[in-house]
Amino acid sequence: MTGRLWFKLMSAFVLVIAVGILVTVWVAGRSAATQFSHVMINGRSLDLAALVTTLADAHTQAGGWQGADIALDDAVGSTLTGGMGNGMSGMMGRGMMGEARLLVADETGQVVADSNGRPGGRVTAATLAQGVPIQVDGARVGTLLVDGPVMTMAGIVDPAILASVTQAVWLAGVVAGAVALLLAGLLVTQITRPLAALSEAARRIAQGDRSVCVPVGRRDELGELAAAFNHMSVSLQAQEEQRRVLMADVAHELRTPLAGIQGTVEALQDGIFPLTQENLVPIQEQTALLARLVEDLRTLANAEAGQIRLDPGPVDGAKLAQRVVTMHHARATARNVTVTLIAANFLPTLHADAQRLEQVMNNLLGNALRHTPAGGTVEVRLEPTPQGMRVAVLDSGEGIPPADLPHIFERFYRSDRSRSRETGGTGLGLAIARQLVTLHGGRIWAESPPAGRAQGSGFFVELPGTAKTG
């Protein structure tokens, strides 16, 4: 329980509220005590603490309470006027008291000074307890008593008033603290409830439920966290679907050559086919197809995981394209397809991995030859762009249906379902090309038909370049 975020946040709020209440009570008490140490006489403030100090000094100088009346008058006048002359202070002291009365009693309770000019008499111990002690060297030598209207206006001599003020401050602090604690609880709940929902959703995802999402419903950081969590959930769901489809596709793609190999071997074992070099050729072809498929799968997996290490360097795009076209010349001639390379005079030098870029061009040109009928043409165009160079592979084949165009770069995807592995390739060439182009910081796309043409397909690659070459 103590480890939960709700408890920690509430504990922090309780601590802050408690400290705030204690500080408020202490400051209010000190302020009240300071304010009540003054009495008001005819609209003037009389500092009792200063008055007591002045009387104590007079006692010390006189060696007792001899002349206490004069000392009281001088002390009151000095305190009221901020230190006027003795004559004026005495006149103002006694004159400004009016009906208010200040008494000074010695340690025995004998009244030794009266602001009304009538010293004498005694006061009870209870009355002395309500007065302000006058001390000299730590010993109580007398008591200052307030009587009449001054008592009512000052209240300093009555500890009940200070207690009442303190009690009121405590009550106000407790009420304010309770309200603050209630609001803090609501705030903490608003914070912890979405986090609890996220925690539960994370547990469900860990258990295999990739479809779980959490409500967003707010525009603060918690809302952003919920939106990011939902995006992660959707991505995980998509990746899980891709993994499932990939496994199914791989199993399907491997099944065909394996079945061919198995059938041929069984026929040879049963004596249906004689064990000749000619009858071993299908096994060799299917084995080569399997090897190519496995290699393409490995390349694609590494590219998608970002584990392919590029070895970039300066690459002459025109020379690279010429080499690729030459490699496919024999195949194109056998299919009666004309391959043409058209390169602009001034092309930028590419900063790329020549081997991987050659693999991209091989895949694109090989794909174009597979989809171009006899008597058709394939053009490889190289053009400069503001950012680098564009490679276009254009064929005069059957084209790509609009419904298939968005999926053409997906693994194992074929727009023509009737094509076999022998005529249709492994189904991974375009997917590999897309990943390799992306690793080079470029982009690849397809058009069918290409702009300015009535039929066929076009595959375009844009790559960043460096300096221009002639």
Foldseek 3Di string as FASTA:
>chain_A
DCPDPLNVLLVVLLVVLVVVLVVQLVVLLVVVLQQLCWWAFPNFTARVVQLLVQLLVVCVVVVHCVVVALSNQQSQLCRRVVHDDSVRSNCCSLVRRPQKKKFKAFPVQATSYISPGDGGDGDDPVQQLLFDFRDDPRHGTITIGIDDPRCVRRVSSPVVVSVVSSVVSSVVSVVVSVVSSVVSSVVSCVVVVLVVVVVVQVVVVVVPPLQDADDLPDDDPSSVVRVVSNVVSVVVVVVVVVVVVVVVLVVVLLVVLVVQLVVLVVCCVVVVDPPDPVSCVSNVVSVVQVVVLVVLVVLLVCLVVVNDDWDWDWADPLVLLVVLCVVCVVVCVVQQEAEEEAEDPKFFTAGGRSVLVSLLSNLLQLQQSLFAHHPWYWYWYWDADPFGIKTKIWIQGAWAPPVCQVVQLPAPDDSDPPDDCVSRPRRHSSVSSQSRLVVQVKGKGKDAHDPPDDGTIMIMIDGGGDGMDD
